[in-house]
């Protein structure tokens, strides 16, 4: 269980680092968002890791430091 928690924190840290890079760039005046599109299987895996209760949906939005990370499934 400790390894899963560490990995989860590591992934959130990476997203926070991306947010910080954009905040410290010429883009800091605009609204920032990242959209990642997955095949259904990969979407379920990634979202299940980050937010298990949302893994059956079509999209989730994670907001870190005023930057939106939108994860979407390309299923119809």
PDB file of N, CA and C in Angstrom:
ATOM      1  N   UNK A   1       0.811  -1.189   0.000  1.00  0.00           N
ATOM      2  CA  UNK A   1       0.000   0.000   0.000  1.00  0.00           C
ATOM      3  C   UNK A   1       0.861   1.264   0.000  1.00  0.00           C
ATOM      4  N   UNK A   2       1.946   1.247   0.740  1.00  0.00           N
ATOM      5  CA  UNK A   2       2.838   2.396   0.779  1.00  0.00           C
ATOM      6  C   UNK A   2       3.371   2.762  -0.594  1.00  0.00           C
ATOM      7  N   UNK A   3       3.682   1.743  -1.397  1.00  0.00           N
ATOM      8  CA  UNK A   3       4.200   1.996  -2.740  1.00  0.00           C
ATOM      9  C   UNK A   3       3.161   2.683  -3.609  1.00  0.00           C
ATOM     10  N   UNK A   4       1.900   2.274  -3.517  1.00  0.00           N
ATOM     11  CA  UNK A   4       0.836   2.896  -4.292  1.00  0.00           C
ATOM     12  C   UNK A   4       0.683   4.355  -3.901  1.00  0.00           C
ATOM     13  N   UNK A   5       0.693   4.653  -2.605  1.00  0.00           N
ATOM     14  CA  UNK A   5       0.579   6.027  -2.147  1.00  0.00           C
ATOM     15  C   UNK A   5       1.740   6.869  -2.630  1.00  0.00           C
ATOM     16  N   UNK A   6       2.951   6.314  -2.575  1.00  0.00           N
ATOM     17  CA  UNK A   6       4.124   7.039  -3.042  1.00  0.00           C
ATOM     18  C   UNK A   6       4.008   7.315  -4.533  1.00  0.00           C
ATOM     19  N   UNK A   7       3.611   6.321  -5.310  1.00  0.00           N
ATOM     20  CA  UNK A   7       3.477   6.513  -6.747  1.00  0.00           C
ATOM     21  C   UNK A   7       2.413   7.552  -7.071  1.00  0.00           C
ATOM     22  N   UNK A   8       1.298   7.530  -6.339  1.00  0.00           N
ATOM     23  CA  UNK A   8       0.235   8.504  -6.543  1.00  0.00           C
ATOM     24  C   UNK A   8       0.759   9.906  -6.263  1.00  0.00           C
ATOM     25  N   UNK A   9       1.467  10.065  -5.157  1.00  0.00           N
ATOM     26  CA  UNK A   9       2.048  11.367  -4.824  1.00  0.00           C
ATOM     27  C   UNK A   9       3.058  11.795  -5.881  1.00  0.00           C
ATOM     28  N   UNK A  10       3.842  10.856  -6.383  1.00  0.00           N
ATOM     29  CA  UNK A  10       4.817  11.172  -7.428  1.00  0.00           C
ATOM     30  C   UNK A  10       4.121  11.708  -8.673  1.00  0.00           C
ATOM     31  N   UNK A  11       3.010  11.086  -9.045  1.00  0.00           N
ATOM     32  CA  UNK A  11       2.273  11.534 -10.228  1.00  0.00           C
ATOM     33  C   UNK A  11       1.682  12.924 -10.019  1.00  0.00           C
ATOM     34  N   UNK A  12       1.137  13.189  -8.847  1.00  0.00           N
ATOM     35  CA  UNK A  12       0.610  14.524  -8.557  1.00  0.00           C
ATOM     36  C   UNK A  12       1.731  15.565  -8.546  1.00  0.00           C
ATOM     37  N   UNK A  13       2.889  15.166  -8.043  1.00  0.00           N
ATOM     38  CA  UNK A  13       4.044  16.069  -8.040  1.00  0.00           C
ATOM     39  C   UNK A  13       4.438  16.433  -9.464  1.00  0.00           C
ATOM     40  N   UNK A  14       4.414  15.470 -10.367  1.00  0.00           N
ATOM     41  CA  UNK A  14       4.749  15.737 -11.772  1.00  0.00           C
ATOM     42  C   UNK A  14       3.762  16.732 -12.386  1.00  0.00           C
ATOM     43  N   UNK A  15       2.471  16.563 -12.095  1.00  0.00           N
ATOM     44  CA  UNK A  15       1.470  17.495 -12.611  1.00  0.00           C
ATOM     45  C   UNK A  15       1.682  18.894 -12.023  1.00  0.00           C
ATOM     46  N   UNK A  16       2.025  18.961 -10.751  1.00  0.00           N
ATOM     47  CA  UNK A  16       2.308  20.253 -10.121  1.00  0.00           C
ATOM     48  C   UNK A  16       3.528  20.917 -10.758  1.00  0.00           C
ATOM     49  N   UNK A  17       4.524  20.128 -11.113  1.00  0.00           N
ATOM     50  CA  UNK A  17       5.719  20.674 -11.776  1.00  0.00           C
ATOM     51  C   UNK A  17       5.367  21.239 -13.145  1.00  0.00           C
ATOM     52  N   UNK A  18       4.492  20.558 -13.864  1.00  0.00           N
ATOM     53  CA  UNK A  18       4.045  21.062 -15.172  1.00  0.00           C
ATOM     54  C   UNK A  18       3.327  22.394 -14.979  1.00  0.00           C
ATOM     55  N   UNK A  19       2.455  22.464 -13.983  1.00  0.00           N
ATOM     56  CA  UNK A  19       1.738  23.708 -13.687  1.00  0.00           C
ATOM     57  C   UNK A  19       2.717  24.834 -13.393  1.00  0.00           C
ATOM     58  N   UNK A  20       3.713  24.544 -12.598  1.00  0.00           N
ATOM     59  CA  UNK A  20       4.700  25.560 -12.226  1.00  0.00           C
ATOM     60  C   UNK A  20       5.478  26.051 -13.438  1.00  0.00           C
ATOM     61  N   UNK A  21       5.841  25.145 -14.324  1.00  0.00           N
ATOM     62  CA  UNK A  21       6.565  25.538 -15.534  1.00  0.00           C
ATOM     63  C   UNK A  21       5.731  26.521 -16.350  1.00  0.00           C
ATOM     64  N   UNK A  22       4.444  26.231 -16.517  1.00  0.00           N
ATOM     65  CA  UNK A  22       3.576  27.133 -17.271  1.00  0.00           C
ATOM     66  C   UNK A  22       3.375  28.461 -16.539  1.00  0.00           C
ATOM     67  N   UNK A  23       3.240  28.412 -15.210  1.00  0.00           N
ATOM     68  CA  UNK A  23       3.076  29.640 -14.427  1.00  0.00           C
ATOM     69  C   UNK A  23       4.273  30.563 -14.579  1.00  0.00           C
ATOM     70  N   UNK A  24       5.444  29.989 -14.769  1.00  0.00           N
ATOM     71  CA  UNK A  24       6.672  30.768 -14.888  1.00  0.00           C
ATOM     72  C   UNK A  24       7.071  31.017 -16.337  1.00  0.00           C
ATOM     73  N   UNK A  25       6.096  30.936 -17.242  1.00  0.00           N
ATOM     74  CA  UNK A  25       6.368  31.145 -18.660  1.00  0.00           C
ATOM     75  C   UNK A  25       5.543  32.324 -19.181  1.00  0.00           C
ATOM     76  N   UNK A  26       5.671  32.590 -20.457  1.00  0.00           N
ATOM     77  CA  UNK A  26       4.902  33.677 -21.068  1.00  0.00           C
ATOM     78  C   UNK A  26       3.407  33.372 -21.118  1.00  0.00           C
ATOM     79  N   UNK A  27       3.018  32.144 -20.830  1.00  0.00           N
ATOM     80  CA  UNK A  27       1.614  31.751 -20.878  1.00  0.00           C
ATOM     81  C   UNK A  27       0.862  32.054 -19.585  1.00  0.00           C
ATOM     82  N   UNK A  28       1.542  32.589 -18.576  1.00  0.00           N
ATOM     83  CA  UNK A  28       0.935  32.757 -17.260  1.00  0.00           C
ATOM     84  C   UNK A  28      -0.225  33.758 -17.229  1.00  0.00           C
ATOM     85  N   UNK A  29      -0.416  34.532 -18.262  1.00  0.00           N
ATOM     86  CA  UNK A  29      -1.507  35.506 -18.301  1.00  0.00           C
ATOM     87  C   UNK A  29      -2.824  34.891 -18.751  1.00  0.00           C
ATOM     88  N   UNK A  30      -2.762  33.707 -19.334  1.00  0.00           N
ATOM     89  CA  UNK A  30      -3.971  33.076 -19.855  1.00  0.00           C
ATOM     90  C   UNK A  30      -4.442  31.932 -18.982  1.00  0.00           C
ATOM     91  N   UNK A  31      -5.623  31.438 -19.307  1.00  0.00           N
ATOM     92  CA  UNK A  31      -6.142  30.250 -18.629  1.00  0.00           C
ATOM     93  C   UNK A  31      -5.409  29.050 -19.209  1.00  0.00           C
ATOM     94  N   UNK A  32      -4.900  28.208 -18.345  1.00  0.00           N
ATOM     95  CA  UNK A  32      -4.095  27.082 -18.801  1.00  0.00           C
ATOM     96  C   UNK A  32      -4.830  25.773 -18.573  1.00  0.00           C
ATOM     97  N   UNK A  33      -4.790  24.930 -19.598  1.00  0.00           N
ATOM     98  CA  UNK A  33      -5.387  23.601 -19.456  1.00  0.00           C
ATOM     99  C   UNK A  33      -4.660  22.625 -20.362  1.00  0.00           C
ATOM    100  N   UNK A  34      -4.690  21.381 -19.946  1.00  0.00           N
ATOM    101  CA  UNK A  34      -4.089  20.290 -20.703  1.00  0.00           C
ATOM    102  C   UNK A  34      -5.178  19.248 -20.899  1.00  0.00           C
ATOM    103  N   UNK A  35      -5.352  18.793 -22.131  1.00  0.00           N
ATOM    104  CA  UNK A  35      -6.333  17.748 -22.417  1.00  0.00           C
ATOM    105  C   UNK A  35      -5.573  16.517 -22.893  1.00  0.00           C
ATOM    106  N   UNK A  36      -5.849  15.390 -22.223  1.00  0.00           N
ATOM    107  CA  UNK A  36      -5.214  14.131 -22.591  1.00  0.00           C
ATOM    108  C   UNK A  36      -6.317  13.156 -22.979  1.00  0.00           C
ATOM    109  N   UNK A  37      -6.253  12.652 -24.209  1.00  0.00           N
ATOM    110  CA  UNK A  37      -7.264  11.712 -24.709  1.00  0.00           C
ATOM    111  C   UNK A  37      -6.689  10.307 -24.699  1.00  0.00           C
ATOM    112  N   UNK A  38      -7.473   9.378 -24.140  1.00  0.00           N
ATOM    113  CA  UNK A  38      -7.042   7.991 -24.002  1.00  0.00           C
ATOM    114  C   UNK A  38      -7.988   7.052 -24.736  1.00  0.00           C
ATOM    115  N   UNK A  39      -7.470   5.915 -25.122  1.00  0.00           N
ATOM    116  CA  UNK A  39      -8.315   4.798 -25.526  1.00  0.00           C
ATOM    117  C   UNK A  39      -9.071   4.360 -24.272  1.00  0.00           C
ATOM    118  N   UNK A  40     -10.259   3.778 -24.423  1.00  0.00           N
ATOM    119  CA  UNK A  40     -11.062   3.420 -23.242  1.00  0.00           C
ATOM    120  C   UNK A  40     -10.323   2.589 -22.190  1.00  0.00           C
ATOM    121  N   UNK A  41      -9.547   1.612 -22.619  1.00  0.00           N
ATOM    122  CA  UNK A  41      -8.838   0.758 -21.666  1.00  0.00           C
ATOM    123  C   UNK A  41      -7.816   1.565 -20.863  1.00  0.00           C
ATOM    124  N   UNK A  42      -7.048   2.403 -21.536  1.00  0.00           N
ATOM    125  CA  UNK A  42      -6.041   3.217 -20.860  1.00  0.00           C
ATOM    126  C   UNK A  42      -6.698   4.277 -19.974  1.00  0.00           C
ATOM    127  N   UNK A  43      -7.814   4.842 -20.454  1.00  0.00           N
ATOM    128  CA  UNK A  43      -8.537   5.826 -19.652  1.00  0.00           C
ATOM    129  C   UNK A  43      -8.958   5.215 -18.316  1.00  0.00           C
ATOM    130  N   UNK A  44      -9.576   4.053 -18.394  1.00  0.00           N
ATOM    131  CA  UNK A  44     -10.049   3.384 -17.178  1.00  0.00           C
ATOM    132  C   UNK A  44      -8.884   3.095 -16.228  1.00  0.00           C
ATOM    133  N   UNK A  45      -7.750   2.692 -16.788  1.00  0.00           N
ATOM    134  CA  UNK A  45      -6.572   2.393 -15.968  1.00  0.00           C
ATOM    135  C   UNK A  45      -6.032   3.644 -15.282  1.00  0.00           C
ATOM    136  N   UNK A  46      -5.835   4.713 -16.046  1.00  0.00           N
ATOM    137  CA  UNK A  46      -5.258   5.940 -15.487  1.00  0.00           C
ATOM    138  C   UNK A  46      -6.221   6.592 -14.500  1.00  0.00           C
ATOM    139  N   UNK A  47      -7.483   6.728 -14.891  1.00  0.00           N
ATOM    140  CA  UNK A  47      -8.454   7.364 -14.007  1.00  0.00           C
ATOM    141  C   UNK A  47      -8.705   6.490 -12.777  1.00  0.00           C
ATOM    142  N   UNK A  48      -8.701   5.184 -12.950  1.00  0.00           N
ATOM    143  CA  UNK A  48      -8.843   4.290 -11.812  1.00  0.00           C
ATOM    144  C   UNK A  48      -7.719   4.467 -10.807  1.00  0.00           C
ATOM    145  N   UNK A  49      -6.567   4.806 -11.285  1.00  0.00           N
ATOM    146  CA  UNK A  49      -5.409   5.049 -10.428  1.00  0.00           C
ATOM    147  C   UNK A  49      -5.555   6.379  -9.684  1.00  0.00           C
ATOM    148  N   UNK A  50      -6.004   7.416 -10.402  1.00  0.00           N
ATOM    149  CA  UNK A  50      -6.105   8.751  -9.819  1.00  0.00           C
ATOM    150  C   UNK A  50      -7.403   8.980  -9.041  1.00  0.00           C
ATOM    151  N   UNK A  51      -8.502   8.454  -9.570  1.00  0.00           N
ATOM    152  CA  UNK A  51      -9.814   8.694  -8.951  1.00  0.00           C
ATOM    153  C   UNK A  51     -10.734   7.518  -9.263  1.00  0.00           C
ATOM    154  N   UNK A  52     -10.602   6.413  -8.537  1.00  0.00           N
ATOM    155  CA  UNK A  52     -11.336   5.181  -8.856  1.00  0.00           C
ATOM    156  C   UNK A  52     -12.838   5.352  -9.031  1.00  0.00           C
ATOM    157  N   UNK A  53     -13.458   6.250  -8.281  1.00  0.00           N
ATOM    158  CA  UNK A  53     -14.913   6.411  -8.397  1.00  0.00           C
ATOM    159  C   UNK A  53     -15.336   7.019  -9.731  1.00  0.00           C
ATOM    160  N   UNK A  54     -14.398   7.623 -10.477  1.00  0.00           N
ATOM    161  CA  UNK A  54     -14.713   8.258 -11.751  1.00  0.00           C
ATOM    162  C   UNK A  54     -14.318   7.433 -12.974  1.00  0.00           C
ATOM    163  N   UNK A  55     -13.839   6.211 -12.769  1.00  0.00           N
ATOM    164  CA  UNK A  55     -13.276   5.442 -13.884  1.00  0.00           C
ATOM    165  C   UNK A  55     -14.308   4.985 -14.908  1.00  0.00           C
ATOM    166  N   UNK A  56     -15.593   5.009 -14.567  1.00  0.00           N
ATOM    167  CA  UNK A  56     -16.616   4.598 -15.527  1.00  0.00           C
ATOM    168  C   UNK A  56     -17.175   5.769 -16.339  1.00  0.00           C
ATOM    169  N   UNK A  57     -16.731   6.976 -16.050  1.00  0.00           N
ATOM    170  CA  UNK A  57     -17.208   8.152 -16.772  1.00  0.00           C
ATOM    171  C   UNK A  57     -16.469   8.336 -18.087  1.00  0.00           C
ATOM    172  N   UNK A  58     -16.704   9.472 -18.733  1.00  0.00           N
ATOM    173  CA  UNK A  58     -16.048   9.777 -20.005  1.00  0.00           C
ATOM    174  C   UNK A  58     -14.927  10.786 -19.850  1.00  0.00           C
ATOM    175  N   UNK A  59     -14.933  11.534 -18.725  1.00  0.00           N
ATOM    176  CA  UNK A  59     -13.875  12.516 -18.510  1.00  0.00           C
ATOM    177  C   UNK A  59     -13.814  12.916 -17.046  1.00  0.00           C
ATOM    178  N   UNK A  60     -12.649  13.394 -16.643  1.00  0.00           N
ATOM    179  CA  UNK A  60     -12.487  14.013 -15.333  1.00  0.00           C
ATOM    180  C   UNK A  60     -11.564  15.209 -15.505  1.00  0.00           C
ATOM    181  N   UNK A  61     -11.694  16.149 -14.586  1.00  0.00           N
ATOM    182  CA  UNK A  61     -10.838  17.332 -14.586  1.00  0.00           C
ATOM    183  C   UNK A  61     -10.135  17.388 -13.235  1.00  0.00           C
ATOM    184  N   UNK A  62      -8.823  17.514 -13.304  1.00  0.00           N
ATOM    185  CA  UNK A  62      -8.009  17.668 -12.098  1.00  0.00           C
ATOM    186  C   UNK A  62      -7.425  19.071 -12.159  1.00  0.00           C
ATOM    187  N   UNK A  63      -7.667  19.864 -11.141  1.00  0.00           N
ATOM    188  CA  UNK A  63      -7.169  21.231 -11.101  1.00  0.00           C
ATOM    189  C   UNK A  63      -6.011  21.298 -10.122  1.00  0.00           C
ATOM    190  N   UNK A  64      -4.844  21.660 -10.631  1.00  0.00           N
ATOM    191  CA  UNK A  64      -3.655  21.797  -9.795  1.00  0.00           C
ATOM    192  C   UNK A  64      -3.049  23.163 -10.074  1.00  0.00           C
ATOM    193  N   UNK A  65      -2.989  23.989  -9.060  1.00  0.00           N
ATOM    194  CA  UNK A  65      -2.411  25.337  -9.166  1.00  0.00           C
ATOM    195  C   UNK A  65      -3.036  26.132 -10.316  1.00  0.00           C
ATOM    196  N   UNK A  66      -4.342  26.134 -10.382  1.00  0.00           N
ATOM    197  CA  UNK A  66      -5.095  26.866 -11.410  1.00  0.00           C
ATOM    198  C   UNK A  66      -4.859  26.370 -12.832  1.00  0.00           C
ATOM    199  N   UNK A  67      -4.369  25.169 -12.974  1.00  0.00           N
ATOM    200  CA  UNK A  67      -4.223  24.555 -14.292  1.00  0.00           C
ATOM    201  C   UNK A  67      -5.101  23.321 -14.334  1.00  0.00           C
ATOM    202  N   UNK A  68      -5.949  23.246 -15.354  1.00  0.00           N
ATOM    203  CA  UNK A  68      -6.852  22.110 -15.486  1.00  0.00           C
ATOM    204  C   UNK A  68      -6.220  21.018 -16.336  1.00  0.00           C
ATOM    205  N   UNK A  69      -6.212  19.826 -15.786  1.00  0.00           N
ATOM    206  CA  UNK A  69      -5.785  18.643 -16.515  1.00  0.00           C
ATOM    207  C   UNK A  69      -7.066  17.835 -16.785  1.00  0.00           C
ATOM    208  N   UNK A  70      -7.489  17.804 -18.045  1.00  0.00           N
ATOM    209  CA  UNK A  70      -8.711  17.091 -18.414  1.00  0.00           C
ATOM    210  C   UNK A  70      -8.322  15.776 -19.055  1.00  0.00           C
ATOM    211  N   UNK A  71      -8.807  14.679 -18.477  1.00  0.00           N
ATOM    212  CA  UNK A  71      -8.558  13.345 -19.013  1.00  0.00           C
ATOM    213  C   UNK A  71      -9.859  12.884 -19.630  1.00  0.00           C
ATOM    214  N   UNK A  72      -9.802  12.473 -20.904  1.00  0.00           N
ATOM    215  CA  UNK A  72     -11.016  12.053 -21.617  1.00  0.00           C
ATOM    216  C   UNK A  72     -10.824  10.705 -22.268  1.00  0.00           C
ATOM    217  N   UNK A  73     -11.924   9.980 -22.346  1.00  0.00           N
ATOM    218  CA  UNK A  73     -11.942   8.714 -23.075  1.00  0.00           C
ATOM    219  C   UNK A  73     -12.465   9.009 -24.470  1.00  0.00           C
ATOM    220  N   UNK A  74     -11.883   8.387 -25.464  1.00  0.00           N
ATOM    221  CA  UNK A  74     -12.356   8.617 -26.822  1.00  0.00           C
ATOM    222  C   UNK A  74     -13.458   7.656 -27.219  1.00  0.00           C
ATOM    223  N   UNK A  75     -14.062   6.961 -26.228  1.00  0.00           N
ATOM    224  CA  UNK A  75     -15.157   6.053 -26.543  1.00  0.00           C
ATOM    225  C   UNK A  75     -16.389   6.848 -26.910  1.00  0.00           C
ATOM    226  N   UNK A  76     -17.172   6.308 -27.801  1.00  0.00           N
ATOM    227  CA  UNK A  76     -18.389   6.997 -28.244  1.00  0.00           C
ATOM    228  C   UNK A  76     -19.542   6.761 -27.312  1.00  0.00           C
TER     229      UNK A  76
END
